[in-house]
PDB file of N, CA and C in Angstrom:
ATOM      1  N   UNK A   1    -124.999  24.970  -0.315  1.00  0.00           N
ATOM      2  CA  UNK A   1    -124.625  24.974   1.066  1.00  0.00           C
ATOM      3  C   UNK A   1    -125.795  25.900   1.793  1.00  0.00           C
ATOM      4  N   UNK A   2    -125.612  25.937   3.108  1.00  0.00           N
ATOM      5  CA  UNK A   2    -126.656  26.567   3.951  1.00  0.00           C
ATOM      6  C   UNK A   2    -126.387  27.988   3.961  1.00  0.00           C
ATOM      7  N   UNK A   3    -127.184  28.791   4.778  1.00  0.00           N
ATOM      8  CA  UNK A   3    -127.070  30.190   4.992  1.00  0.00           C
ATOM      9  C   UNK A   3    -125.761  30.511   5.640  1.00  0.00           C
ATOM     10  N   UNK A   4    -125.296  29.642   6.498  1.00  0.00           N
ATOM     11  CA  UNK A   4    -124.000  29.921   7.193  1.00  0.00           C
ATOM     12  C   UNK A   4    -122.895  29.024   6.648  1.00  0.00           C
ATOM     13  N   UNK A   5    -122.307  29.361   5.622  1.00  0.00           N
ATOM     14  CA  UNK A   5    -121.282  28.570   4.882  1.00  0.00           C
ATOM     15  C   UNK A   5    -120.191  28.367   5.747  1.00  0.00           C
ATOM     16  N   UNK A   6    -119.763  29.323   6.434  1.00  0.00           N
ATOM     17  CA  UNK A   6    -118.631  29.225   7.372  1.00  0.00           C
ATOM     18  C   UNK A   6    -118.761  28.033   8.427  1.00  0.00           C
ATOM     19  N   UNK A   7    -119.927  27.955   8.972  1.00  0.00           N
ATOM     20  CA  UNK A   7    -120.175  26.852   9.819  1.00  0.00           C
ATOM     21  C   UNK A   7    -120.029  25.398   9.248  1.00  0.00           C
ATOM     22  N   UNK A   8    -120.703  25.377   8.039  1.00  0.00           N
ATOM     23  CA  UNK A   8    -120.768  24.094   7.318  1.00  0.00           C
ATOM     24  C   UNK A   8    -119.269  23.631   6.878  1.00  0.00           C
ATOM     25  N   UNK A   9    -118.548  24.642   6.452  1.00  0.00           N
ATOM     26  CA  UNK A   9    -117.169  24.286   6.141  1.00  0.00           C
ATOM     27  C   UNK A   9    -116.325  23.926   7.320  1.00  0.00           C
ATOM     28  N   UNK A  10    -116.593  24.712   8.422  1.00  0.00           N
ATOM     29  CA  UNK A  10    -115.860  24.358   9.692  1.00  0.00           C
ATOM     30  C   UNK A  10    -116.209  22.953  10.125  1.00  0.00           C
ATOM     31  N   UNK A  11    -117.423  22.639  10.006  1.00  0.00           N
ATOM     32  CA  UNK A  11    -117.823  21.264  10.406  1.00  0.00           C
ATOM     33  C   UNK A  11    -117.116  20.163   9.649  1.00  0.00           C
ATOM     34  N   UNK A  12    -116.927  20.372   8.313  1.00  0.00           N
ATOM     35  CA  UNK A  12    -116.320  19.470   7.467  1.00  0.00           C
ATOM     36  C   UNK A  12    -114.795  19.328   7.795  1.00  0.00           C
ATOM     37  N   UNK A  13    -114.260  20.555   8.096  1.00  0.00           N
ATOM     38  CA  UNK A  13    -112.908  20.600   8.573  1.00  0.00           C
ATOM     39  C   UNK A  13    -112.698  19.729   9.766  1.00  0.00           C
ATOM     40  N   UNK A  14    -113.550  19.989  10.855  1.00  0.00           N
ATOM     41  CA  UNK A  14    -113.436  19.300  11.991  1.00  0.00           C
ATOM     42  C   UNK A  14    -113.684  17.761  11.802  1.00  0.00           C
ATOM     43  N   UNK A  15    -114.523  17.470  10.897  1.00  0.00           N
ATOM     44  CA  UNK A  15    -114.786  16.008  10.624  1.00  0.00           C
ATOM     45  C   UNK A  15    -113.428  15.353  10.179  1.00  0.00           C
ATOM     46  N   UNK A  16    -112.613  15.953   9.469  1.00  0.00           N
ATOM     47  CA  UNK A  16    -111.345  15.466   8.890  1.00  0.00           C
ATOM     48  C   UNK A  16    -110.371  14.827  10.141  1.00  0.00           C
ATOM     49  N   UNK A  17    -110.469  15.565  11.257  1.00  0.00           N
ATOM     50  CA  UNK A  17    -109.659  15.255  12.354  1.00  0.00           C
ATOM     51  C   UNK A  17    -110.202  14.432  13.465  1.00  0.00           C
ATOM     52  N   UNK A  18    -111.587  14.242  13.245  1.00  0.00           N
ATOM     53  CA  UNK A  18    -112.391  13.427  14.319  1.00  0.00           C
ATOM     54  C   UNK A  18    -112.120  11.954  14.051  1.00  0.00           C
ATOM     55  N   UNK A  19    -111.506  11.223  15.109  1.00  0.00           N
ATOM     56  CA  UNK A  19    -111.236   9.800  14.952  1.00  0.00           C
ATOM     57  C   UNK A  19    -112.524   8.862  14.962  1.00  0.00           C
ATOM     58  N   UNK A  20    -113.622   9.471  15.286  1.00  0.00           N
ATOM     59  CA  UNK A  20    -115.000   8.744  15.404  1.00  0.00           C
ATOM     60  C   UNK A  20    -115.691   8.773  14.109  1.00  0.00           C
ATOM     61  N   UNK A  21    -115.239   9.313  13.130  1.00  0.00           N
ATOM     62  CA  UNK A  21    -116.036   9.465  11.769  1.00  0.00           C
ATOM     63  C   UNK A  21    -115.449   8.430  10.878  1.00  0.00           C
ATOM     64  N   UNK A  22    -116.315   8.019   9.847  1.00  0.00           N
ATOM     65  CA  UNK A  22    -115.805   6.922   8.940  1.00  0.00           C
ATOM     66  C   UNK A  22    -115.062   7.577   7.882  1.00  0.00           C
ATOM     67  N   UNK A  23    -114.304   6.691   7.235  1.00  0.00           N
ATOM     68  CA  UNK A  23    -113.405   7.062   6.072  1.00  0.00           C
ATOM     69  C   UNK A  23    -114.327   7.671   4.934  1.00  0.00           C
ATOM     70  N   UNK A  24    -115.533   7.088   4.753  1.00  0.00           N
ATOM     71  CA  UNK A  24    -116.424   7.605   3.611  1.00  0.00           C
ATOM     72  C   UNK A  24    -116.862   9.148   4.155  1.00  0.00           C
ATOM     73  N   UNK A  25    -117.101   9.301   5.356  1.00  0.00           N
ATOM     74  CA  UNK A  25    -117.529  10.734   5.824  1.00  0.00           C
ATOM     75  C   UNK A  25    -116.315  11.625   5.557  1.00  0.00           C
ATOM     76  N   UNK A  26    -115.182  11.176   5.892  1.00  0.00           N
ATOM     77  CA  UNK A  26    -114.007  12.123   5.592  1.00  0.00           C
ATOM     78  C   UNK A  26    -113.707  12.372   4.212  1.00  0.00           C
ATOM     79  N   UNK A  27    -113.975  11.253   3.349  1.00  0.00           N
ATOM     80  CA  UNK A  27    -113.621  11.582   1.980  1.00  0.00           C
ATOM     81  C   UNK A  27    -114.806  12.463   1.468  1.00  0.00           C
ATOM     82  N   UNK A  28    -115.975  12.503   1.972  1.00  0.00           N
ATOM     83  CA  UNK A  28    -116.965  13.550   1.536  1.00  0.00           C
ATOM     84  C   UNK A  28    -116.547  14.874   1.952  1.00  0.00           C
ATOM     85  N   UNK A  29    -116.074  15.083   3.107  1.00  0.00           N
ATOM     86  CA  UNK A  29    -115.689  16.285   3.737  1.00  0.00           C
ATOM     87  C   UNK A  29    -114.547  16.819   2.867  1.00  0.00           C
ATOM     88  N   UNK A  30    -113.514  15.934   2.466  1.00  0.00           N
ATOM     89  CA  UNK A  30    -112.434  16.386   1.712  1.00  0.00           C
ATOM     90  C   UNK A  30    -113.036  16.956   0.232  1.00  0.00           C
ATOM     91  N   UNK A  31    -113.993  16.170  -0.310  1.00  0.00           N
ATOM     92  CA  UNK A  31    -114.493  16.664  -1.648  1.00  0.00           C
ATOM     93  C   UNK A  31    -115.199  18.030  -1.437  1.00  0.00           C
ATOM     94  N   UNK A  32    -115.900  18.214  -0.350  1.00  0.00           N
ATOM     95  CA  UNK A  32    -116.639  19.593  -0.040  1.00  0.00           C
ATOM     96  C   UNK A  32    -115.512  20.647   0.092  1.00  0.00           C
ATOM     97  N   UNK A  33    -114.542  20.389   0.920  1.00  0.00           N
ATOM     98  CA  UNK A  33    -113.540  21.383   1.153  1.00  0.00           C
ATOM     99  C   UNK A  33    -112.621  21.687  -0.063  1.00  0.00           C
ATOM    100  N   UNK A  34    -112.417  20.690  -0.956  1.00  0.00           N
ATOM    101  CA  UNK A  34    -111.395  20.927  -1.972  1.00  0.00           C
ATOM    102  C   UNK A  34    -111.913  22.069  -2.864  1.00  0.00           C
ATOM    103  N   UNK A  35    -113.189  22.267  -3.077  1.00  0.00           N
ATOM    104  CA  UNK A  35    -113.707  23.465  -3.860  1.00  0.00           C
ATOM    105  C   UNK A  35    -113.870  24.655  -3.088  1.00  0.00           C
ATOM    106  N   UNK A  36    -114.058  24.603  -1.782  1.00  0.00           N
ATOM    107  CA  UNK A  36    -114.460  25.824  -1.021  1.00  0.00           C
ATOM    108  C   UNK A  36    -113.488  26.094   0.166  1.00  0.00           C
ATOM    109  N   UNK A  37    -112.400  25.470   0.159  1.00  0.00           N
ATOM    110  CA  UNK A  37    -111.339  25.658   1.258  1.00  0.00           C
ATOM    111  C   UNK A  37    -111.063  27.183   1.483  1.00  0.00           C
ATOM    112  N   UNK A  38    -111.015  27.943   0.474  1.00  0.00           N
ATOM    113  CA  UNK A  38    -110.697  29.417   0.584  1.00  0.00           C
ATOM    114  C   UNK A  38    -111.793  30.096   1.357  1.00  0.00           C
ATOM    115  N   UNK A  39    -112.971  29.636   1.327  1.00  0.00           N
ATOM    116  CA  UNK A  39    -114.122  30.230   1.940  1.00  0.00           C
ATOM    117  C   UNK A  39    -114.095  30.062   3.475  1.00  0.00           C
ATOM    118  N   UNK A  40    -113.371  29.291   4.036  1.00  0.00           N
ATOM    119  CA  UNK A  40    -113.265  29.054   5.411  1.00  0.00           C
ATOM    120  C   UNK A  40    -112.646  30.410   6.108  1.00  0.00           C
ATOM    121  N   UNK A  41    -113.483  31.034   6.936  1.00  0.00           N
ATOM    122  CA  UNK A  41    -113.141  32.342   7.423  1.00  0.00           C
ATOM    123  C   UNK A  41    -112.038  32.217   8.453  1.00  0.00           C
ATOM    124  N   UNK A  42    -111.234  33.117   8.678  1.00  0.00           N
ATOM    125  CA  UNK A  42    -110.159  33.213   9.680  1.00  0.00           C
ATOM    126  C   UNK A  42    -110.883  33.299  11.044  1.00  0.00           C
ATOM    127  N   UNK A  43    -110.203  32.745  12.014  1.00  0.00           N
ATOM    128  CA  UNK A  43    -110.735  32.845  13.414  1.00  0.00           C
ATOM    129  C   UNK A  43    -110.328  34.258  13.956  1.00  0.00           C
ATOM    130  N   UNK A  44    -111.096  34.781  14.743  1.00  0.00           N
ATOM    131  CA  UNK A  44    -110.679  35.986  15.580  1.00  0.00           C
ATOM    132  C   UNK A  44    -109.859  35.692  16.663  1.00  0.00           C
ATOM    133  N   UNK A  45    -108.673  36.224  16.695  1.00  0.00           N
ATOM    134  CA  UNK A  45    -107.622  35.863  17.642  1.00  0.00           C
ATOM    135  C   UNK A  45    -108.262  36.072  19.015  1.00  0.00           C
ATOM    136  N   UNK A  46    -108.926  37.121  19.272  1.00  0.00           N
ATOM    137  CA  UNK A  46    -109.513  37.350  20.542  1.00  0.00           C
ATOM    138  C   UNK A  46    -110.477  36.288  21.057  1.00  0.00           C
ATOM    139  N   UNK A  47    -111.216  35.636  20.212  1.00  0.00           N
ATOM    140  CA  UNK A  47    -112.089  34.559  20.469  1.00  0.00           C
ATOM    141  C   UNK A  47    -111.389  33.282  20.726  1.00  0.00           C
ATOM    142  N   UNK A  48    -110.300  33.198  19.918  1.00  0.00           N
ATOM    143  CA  UNK A  48    -109.509  31.948  20.096  1.00  0.00           C
ATOM    144  C   UNK A  48    -108.888  32.082  21.512  1.00  0.00           C
ATOM    145  N   UNK A  49    -108.249  33.176  21.932  1.00  0.00           N
ATOM    146  CA  UNK A  49    -107.742  33.417  23.226  1.00  0.00           C
ATOM    147  C   UNK A  49    -108.661  33.126  24.360  1.00  0.00           C
ATOM    148  N   UNK A  50    -109.850  33.591  24.145  1.00  0.00           N
ATOM    149  CA  UNK A  50    -110.883  33.434  25.137  1.00  0.00           C
ATOM    150  C   UNK A  50    -111.232  31.923  25.411  1.00  0.00           C
ATOM    151  N   UNK A  51    -111.284  31.239  24.291  1.00  0.00           N
ATOM    152  CA  UNK A  51    -111.534  29.782  24.268  1.00  0.00           C
ATOM    153  C   UNK A  51    -110.354  29.004  25.064  1.00  0.00           C
ATOM    154  N   UNK A  52    -109.237  29.502  24.737  1.00  0.00           N
ATOM    155  CA  UNK A  52    -108.004  28.848  25.229  1.00  0.00           C
ATOM    156  C   UNK A  52    -107.978  29.022  26.810  1.00  0.00           C
ATOM    157  N   UNK A  53    -108.267  30.285  27.176  1.00  0.00           N
ATOM    158  CA  UNK A  53    -108.327  30.659  28.666  1.00  0.00           C
ATOM    159  C   UNK A  53    -109.415  29.810  29.405  1.00  0.00           C
ATOM    160  N   UNK A  54    -110.662  29.586  28.695  1.00  0.00           N
ATOM    161  CA  UNK A  54    -111.608  28.885  29.313  1.00  0.00           C
ATOM    162  C   UNK A  54    -111.082  27.388  29.480  1.00  0.00           C
ATOM    163  N   UNK A  55    -110.401  26.865  28.473  1.00  0.00           N
ATOM    164  CA  UNK A  55    -109.783  25.505  28.570  1.00  0.00           C
ATOM    165  C   UNK A  55    -108.954  25.328  29.735  1.00  0.00           C
ATOM    166  N   UNK A  56    -108.129  26.308  29.945  1.00  0.00           N
ATOM    167  CA  UNK A  56    -107.085  26.239  31.012  1.00  0.00           C
ATOM    168  C   UNK A  56    -107.825  26.236  32.394  1.00  0.00           C
ATOM    169  N   UNK A  57    -108.951  26.990  32.522  1.00  0.00           N
ATOM    170  CA  UNK A  57    -109.611  26.944  33.876  1.00  0.00           C
ATOM    171  C   UNK A  57    -110.690  26.030  33.926  1.00  0.00           C
ATOM    172  N   UNK A  58    -110.955  25.143  32.945  1.00  0.00           N
ATOM    173  CA  UNK A  58    -112.051  24.142  33.107  1.00  0.00           C
ATOM    174  C   UNK A  58    -111.527  22.913  33.749  1.00  0.00           C
ATOM    175  N   UNK A  59    -112.276  22.549  34.922  1.00  0.00           N
ATOM    176  CA  UNK A  59    -111.899  21.349  35.668  1.00  0.00           C
ATOM    177  C   UNK A  59    -112.121  20.016  34.916  1.00  0.00           C
ATOM    178  N   UNK A  60    -112.984  19.984  33.903  1.00  0.00           N
ATOM    179  CA  UNK A  60    -113.211  18.813  33.107  1.00  0.00           C
ATOM    180  C   UNK A  60    -112.266  18.594  31.982  1.00  0.00           C
ATOM    181  N   UNK A  61    -111.128  19.378  31.868  1.00  0.00           N
ATOM    182  CA  UNK A  61    -110.295  19.192  30.727  1.00  0.00           C
ATOM    183  C   UNK A  61    -108.946  18.556  31.321  1.00  0.00           C
ATOM    184  N   UNK A  62    -108.307  17.725  30.493  1.00  0.00           N
ATOM    185  CA  UNK A  62    -107.073  16.890  31.014  1.00  0.00           C
ATOM    186  C   UNK A  62    -105.960  17.901  31.169  1.00  0.00           C
ATOM    187  N   UNK A  63    -105.033  17.528  31.997  1.00  0.00           N
ATOM    188  CA  UNK A  63    -103.791  18.379  32.180  1.00  0.00           C
ATOM    189  C   UNK A  63    -103.057  18.506  30.846  1.00  0.00           C
ATOM    190  N   UNK A  64    -103.012  17.526  29.969  1.00  0.00           N
ATOM    191  CA  UNK A  64    -102.381  17.583  28.814  1.00  0.00           C
ATOM    192  C   UNK A  64    -103.016  18.655  27.857  1.00  0.00           C
ATOM    193  N   UNK A  65    -104.401  18.655  27.760  1.00  0.00           N
ATOM    194  CA  UNK A  65    -105.031  19.669  26.890  1.00  0.00           C
ATOM    195  C   UNK A  65    -104.836  21.105  27.558  1.00  0.00           C
ATOM    196  N   UNK A  66    -104.761  21.142  28.872  1.00  0.00           N
ATOM    197  CA  UNK A  66    -104.432  22.535  29.483  1.00  0.00           C
ATOM    198  C   UNK A  66    -103.063  22.986  29.067  1.00  0.00           C
ATOM    199  N   UNK A  67    -102.080  22.086  29.172  1.00  0.00           N
ATOM    200  CA  UNK A  67    -100.740  22.513  28.839  1.00  0.00           C
ATOM    201  C   UNK A  67    -100.646  22.930  27.374  1.00  0.00           C
ATOM    202  N   UNK A  68    -101.506  22.240  26.511  1.00  0.00           N
ATOM    203  CA  UNK A  68    -101.460  22.602  25.060  1.00  0.00           C
ATOM    204  C   UNK A  68    -102.068  23.927  24.892  1.00  0.00           C
ATOM    205  N   UNK A  69    -103.202  24.122  25.563  1.00  0.00           N
ATOM    206  CA  UNK A  69    -103.854  25.556  25.578  1.00  0.00           C
ATOM    207  C   UNK A  69    -102.984  26.682  26.164  1.00  0.00           C
ATOM    208  N   UNK A  70    -102.139  26.308  27.065  1.00  0.00           N
ATOM    209  CA  UNK A  70    -101.187  27.288  27.601  1.00  0.00           C
ATOM    210  C   UNK A  70    -100.144  27.754  26.568  1.00  0.00           C
ATOM    211  N   UNK A  71     -99.621  26.678  25.833  1.00  0.00           N
ATOM    212  CA  UNK A  71     -98.634  26.978  24.902  1.00  0.00           C
ATOM    213  C   UNK A  71     -99.243  27.683  23.706  1.00  0.00           C
ATOM    214  N   UNK A  72    -100.342  27.367  23.192  1.00  0.00           N
ATOM    215  CA  UNK A  72    -101.010  28.036  22.050  1.00  0.00           C
ATOM    216  C   UNK A  72    -101.401  29.504  22.491  1.00  0.00           C
ATOM    217  N   UNK A  73    -101.775  29.679  23.810  1.00  0.00           N
ATOM    218  CA  UNK A  73    -102.135  31.030  24.234  1.00  0.00           C
ATOM    219  C   UNK A  73    -100.830  31.977  24.386  1.00  0.00           C
ATOM    220  N   UNK A  74     -99.700  31.349  24.686  1.00  0.00           N
ATOM    221  CA  UNK A  74     -98.526  32.027  24.838  1.00  0.00           C
ATOM    222  C   UNK A  74     -98.123  32.516  23.306  1.00  0.00           C
ATOM    223  N   UNK A  75     -98.227  31.604  22.273  1.00  0.00           N
ATOM    224  CA  UNK A  75     -97.924  31.957  20.948  1.00  0.00           C
ATOM    225  C   UNK A  75     -98.726  33.137  20.475  1.00  0.00           C
ATOM    226  N   UNK A  76    -100.108  33.021  20.830  1.00  0.00           N
ATOM    227  CA  UNK A  76    -101.017  34.114  20.428  1.00  0.00           C
ATOM    228  C   UNK A  76    -100.728  35.486  20.946  1.00  0.00           C
ATOM    229  N   UNK A  77    -100.188  35.415  22.186  1.00  0.00           N
ATOM    230  CA  UNK A  77     -99.937  36.597  22.948  1.00  0.00           C
ATOM    231  C   UNK A  77     -98.480  37.240  22.740  1.00  0.00           C
ATOM    232  N   UNK A  78     -97.715  36.624  21.912  1.00  0.00           N
ATOM    233  CA  UNK A  78     -96.448  37.196  21.476  1.00  0.00           C
ATOM    234  C   UNK A  78     -96.672  38.526  21.057  1.00  0.00           C
ATOM    235  N   UNK A  79     -95.666  39.384  21.411  1.00  0.00           N
ATOM    236  CA  UNK A  79     -95.872  40.737  20.884  1.00  0.00           C
ATOM    237  C   UNK A  79     -95.713  40.968  19.342  1.00  0.00           C
ATOM    238  N   UNK A  80     -96.448  41.648  18.718  1.00  0.00           N
ATOM    239  CA  UNK A  80     -96.395  41.836  17.279  1.00  0.00           C
ATOM    240  C   UNK A  80     -95.934  43.157  16.997  1.00  0.00           C
ATOM    241  N   UNK A  81     -95.215  43.322  15.829  1.00  0.00           N
ATOM    242  CA  UNK A  81     -94.650  44.679  15.365  1.00  0.00           C
ATOM    243  C   UNK A  81     -95.760  45.618  15.297  1.00  0.00           C
ATOM    244  N   UNK A  82     -95.713  46.850  15.888  1.00  0.00           N
ATOM    245  CA  UNK A  82     -96.725  47.742  15.715  1.00  0.00           C
ATOM    246  C   UNK A  82     -96.507  48.664  14.578  1.00  0.00           C
ATOM    247  N   UNK A  83     -97.443  49.189  14.014  1.00  0.00           N
ATOM    248  CA  UNK A  83     -97.432  50.060  12.734  1.00  0.00           C
ATOM    249  C   UNK A  83     -97.075  51.446  13.303  1.00  0.00           C
ATOM    250  N   UNK A  84     -95.744  51.908  12.974  1.00  0.00           N
ATOM    251  CA  UNK A  84     -95.302  53.229  13.421  1.00  0.00           C
ATOM    252  C   UNK A  84     -96.354  54.439  13.187  1.00  0.00           C
ATOM    253  N   UNK A  85     -97.013  54.421  12.058  1.00  0.00           N
ATOM    254  CA  UNK A  85     -97.846  55.370  11.694  1.00  0.00           C
ATOM    255  C   UNK A  85     -99.083  55.441  12.773  1.00  0.00           C
ATOM    256  N   UNK A  86     -99.539  54.192  13.123  1.00  0.00           N
ATOM    257  CA  UNK A  86    -100.589  54.200  14.139  1.00  0.00           C
ATOM    258  C   UNK A  86    -100.086  54.490  15.480  1.00  0.00           C
ATOM    259  N   UNK A  87     -98.875  54.201  15.876  1.00  0.00           N
ATOM    260  CA  UNK A  87     -98.366  54.509  17.096  1.00  0.00           C
ATOM    261  C   UNK A  87     -98.263  56.068  17.229  1.00  0.00           C
ATOM    262  N   UNK A  88     -97.807  56.633  16.164  1.00  0.00           N
ATOM    263  CA  UNK A  88     -97.634  58.168  16.123  1.00  0.00           C
ATOM    264  C   UNK A  88     -98.965  58.819  16.252  1.00  0.00           C
ATOM    265  N   UNK A  89    -100.015  58.354  15.535  1.00  0.00           N
ATOM    266  CA  UNK A  89    -101.311  58.798  15.608  1.00  0.00           C
ATOM    267  C   UNK A  89    -101.925  58.757  16.976  1.00  0.00           C
ATOM    268  N   UNK A  90    -101.643  57.587  17.731  1.00  0.00           N
ATOM    269  CA  UNK A  90    -102.164  57.515  19.142  1.00  0.00           C
ATOM    270  C   UNK A  90    -101.403  58.491  20.068  1.00  0.00           C
ATOM    271  N   UNK A  91    -100.144  58.757  19.813  1.00  0.00           N
ATOM    272  CA  UNK A  91     -99.313  59.611  20.576  1.00  0.00           C
ATOM    273  C   UNK A  91     -99.953  61.015  20.381  1.00  0.00           C
ATOM    274  N   UNK A  92    -100.064  61.308  19.146  1.00  0.00           N
ATOM    275  CA  UNK A  92    -100.557  62.777  18.761  1.00  0.00           C
ATOM    276  C   UNK A  92    -101.933  62.944  19.300  1.00  0.00           C
ATOM    277  N   UNK A  93    -102.833  61.916  19.366  1.00  0.00           N
ATOM    278  CA  UNK A  93    -104.150  62.036  19.899  1.00  0.00           C
ATOM    279  C   UNK A  93    -104.019  62.276  21.495  1.00  0.00           C
ATOM    280  N   UNK A  94    -103.001  61.693  22.066  1.00  0.00           N
ATOM    281  CA  UNK A  94    -102.952  61.817  23.583  1.00  0.00           C
ATOM    282  C   UNK A  94    -102.483  63.270  23.861  1.00  0.00           C
ATOM    283  N   UNK A  95    -101.720  63.887  23.006  1.00  0.00           N
ATOM    284  CA  UNK A  95    -101.254  65.323  23.267  1.00  0.00           C
ATOM    285  C   UNK A  95    -102.467  66.220  23.147  1.00  0.00           C
ATOM    286  N   UNK A  96    -103.653  65.881  22.460  1.00  0.00           N
ATOM    287  CA  UNK A  96    -104.591  66.840  22.358  1.00  0.00           C
ATOM    288  C   UNK A  96    -105.904  66.427  23.163  1.00  0.00           C
ATOM    289  N   UNK A  97    -105.854  65.339  23.989  1.00  0.00           N
ATOM    290  CA  UNK A  97    -106.832  64.803  24.763  1.00  0.00           C
ATOM    291  C   UNK A  97    -106.917  65.522  26.069  1.00  0.00           C
ATOM    292  N   UNK A  98    -108.028  66.161  26.471  1.00  0.00           N
ATOM    293  CA  UNK A  98    -108.257  66.821  27.714  1.00  0.00           C
ATOM    294  C   UNK A  98    -108.075  65.834  28.897  1.00  0.00           C
ATOM    295  N   UNK A  99    -108.450  64.599  28.731  1.00  0.00           N
ATOM    296  CA  UNK A  99    -108.384  63.779  29.842  1.00  0.00           C
ATOM    297  C   UNK A  99    -106.948  63.091  30.197  1.00  0.00           C
ATOM    298  N   UNK A 100    -105.920  63.531  29.405  1.00  0.00           N
ATOM    299  CA  UNK A 100    -104.671  63.082  29.605  1.00  0.00           C
ATOM    300  C   UNK A 100    -103.975  64.043  30.381  1.00  0.00           C
ATOM    301  N   UNK A 101    -103.149  63.615  31.429  1.00  0.00           N
ATOM    302  CA  UNK A 101    -102.270  64.618  32.325  1.00  0.00           C
ATOM    303  C   UNK A 101    -101.207  65.309  31.557  1.00  0.00           C
ATOM    304  N   UNK A 102    -100.794  66.388  32.029  1.00  0.00           N
ATOM    305  CA  UNK A 102     -99.720  67.192  31.294  1.00  0.00           C
ATOM    306  C   UNK A 102     -98.432  66.349  31.306  1.00  0.00           C
ATOM    307  N   UNK A 103     -98.215  65.587  32.251  1.00  0.00           N
ATOM    308  CA  UNK A 103     -97.034  64.771  32.370  1.00  0.00           C
ATOM    309  C   UNK A 103     -97.057  63.715  31.205  1.00  0.00           C
ATOM    310  N   UNK A 104     -98.240  63.085  30.993  1.00  0.00           N
ATOM    311  CA  UNK A 104     -98.378  62.088  29.894  1.00  0.00           C
ATOM    312  C   UNK A 104     -98.330  62.704  28.522  1.00  0.00           C
ATOM    313  N   UNK A 105     -98.867  63.955  28.525  1.00  0.00           N
ATOM    314  CA  UNK A 105     -98.824  64.679  27.198  1.00  0.00           C
ATOM    315  C   UNK A 105     -97.252  65.003  26.905  1.00  0.00           C
ATOM    316  N   UNK A 106     -96.501  65.422  27.833  1.00  0.00           N
ATOM    317  CA  UNK A 106     -95.121  65.751  27.619  1.00  0.00           C
ATOM    318  C   UNK A 106     -94.407  64.528  27.169  1.00  0.00           C
ATOM    319  N   UNK A 107     -94.638  63.339  27.828  1.00  0.00           N
ATOM    320  CA  UNK A 107     -94.151  62.079  27.482  1.00  0.00           C
ATOM    321  C   UNK A 107     -94.399  61.624  26.044  1.00  0.00           C
ATOM    322  N   UNK A 108     -95.714  61.889  25.715  1.00  0.00           N
ATOM    323  CA  UNK A 108     -96.122  61.586  24.297  1.00  0.00           C
ATOM    324  C   UNK A 108     -95.446  62.470  23.316  1.00  0.00           C
ATOM    325  N   UNK A 109     -95.293  63.765  23.598  1.00  0.00           N
ATOM    326  CA  UNK A 109     -94.513  64.646  22.771  1.00  0.00           C
ATOM    327  C   UNK A 109     -93.106  64.250  22.498  1.00  0.00           C
ATOM    328  N   UNK A 110     -92.522  63.695  23.712  1.00  0.00           N
ATOM    329  CA  UNK A 110     -91.070  63.365  23.497  1.00  0.00           C
ATOM    330  C   UNK A 110     -90.958  62.194  22.698  1.00  0.00           C
ATOM    331  N   UNK A 111     -91.949  61.193  22.861  1.00  0.00           N
ATOM    332  CA  UNK A 111     -91.864  60.004  21.988  1.00  0.00           C
ATOM    333  C   UNK A 111     -92.061  60.251  20.605  1.00  0.00           C
ATOM    334  N   UNK A 112     -93.018  61.213  20.269  1.00  0.00           N
ATOM    335  CA  UNK A 112     -93.191  61.734  18.882  1.00  0.00           C
ATOM    336  C   UNK A 112     -91.924  62.210  18.326  1.00  0.00           C
ATOM    337  N   UNK A 113     -91.208  62.964  19.162  1.00  0.00           N
ATOM    338  CA  UNK A 113     -90.020  63.582  18.616  1.00  0.00           C
ATOM    339  C   UNK A 113     -88.921  62.457  18.381  1.00  0.00           C
ATOM    340  N   UNK A 114     -88.922  61.470  19.076  1.00  0.00           N
ATOM    341  CA  UNK A 114     -88.019  60.368  18.889  1.00  0.00           C
ATOM    342  C   UNK A 114     -88.363  59.621  17.600  1.00  0.00           C
ATOM    343  N   UNK A 115     -89.656  59.539  17.274  1.00  0.00           N
ATOM    344  CA  UNK A 115     -90.154  58.904  16.083  1.00  0.00           C
ATOM    345  C   UNK A 115     -89.907  59.815  14.863  1.00  0.00           C
ATOM    346  N   UNK A 116     -89.715  61.130  15.142  1.00  0.00           N
ATOM    347  CA  UNK A 116     -89.496  61.985  14.023  1.00  0.00           C
ATOM    348  C   UNK A 116     -90.754  62.496  13.432  1.00  0.00           C
ATOM    349  N   UNK A 117     -91.863  62.438  14.241  1.00  0.00           N
ATOM    350  CA  UNK A 117     -93.242  62.792  13.668  1.00  0.00           C
ATOM    351  C   UNK A 117     -93.590  64.207  14.341  1.00  0.00           C
TER     352      UNK A 117
END
């Protein structure tokens, strides 16, 4: 493989769903991916979201593709469960931060008390 294996594997993965490539080409891509499928890196959700937003605002994209991008973006932006330890750490940091108002510090302390931290 080349120096950038992720791009090579990504190209083979894209080839499998491309209707303009031959069956022979797709068979070759399947062979390559069968041994290295685990090496395909996960996509950064922030980059995926940026691409979807670009698709939504691109005048050259079909309405169907825009609708699909909106749906995928909504799925990406669904709230995820936050780690309570990290939440508590952020609140504790806020209580010691000189740039945080006294009102916000008091609210952070109350929330910490609710969390039992």
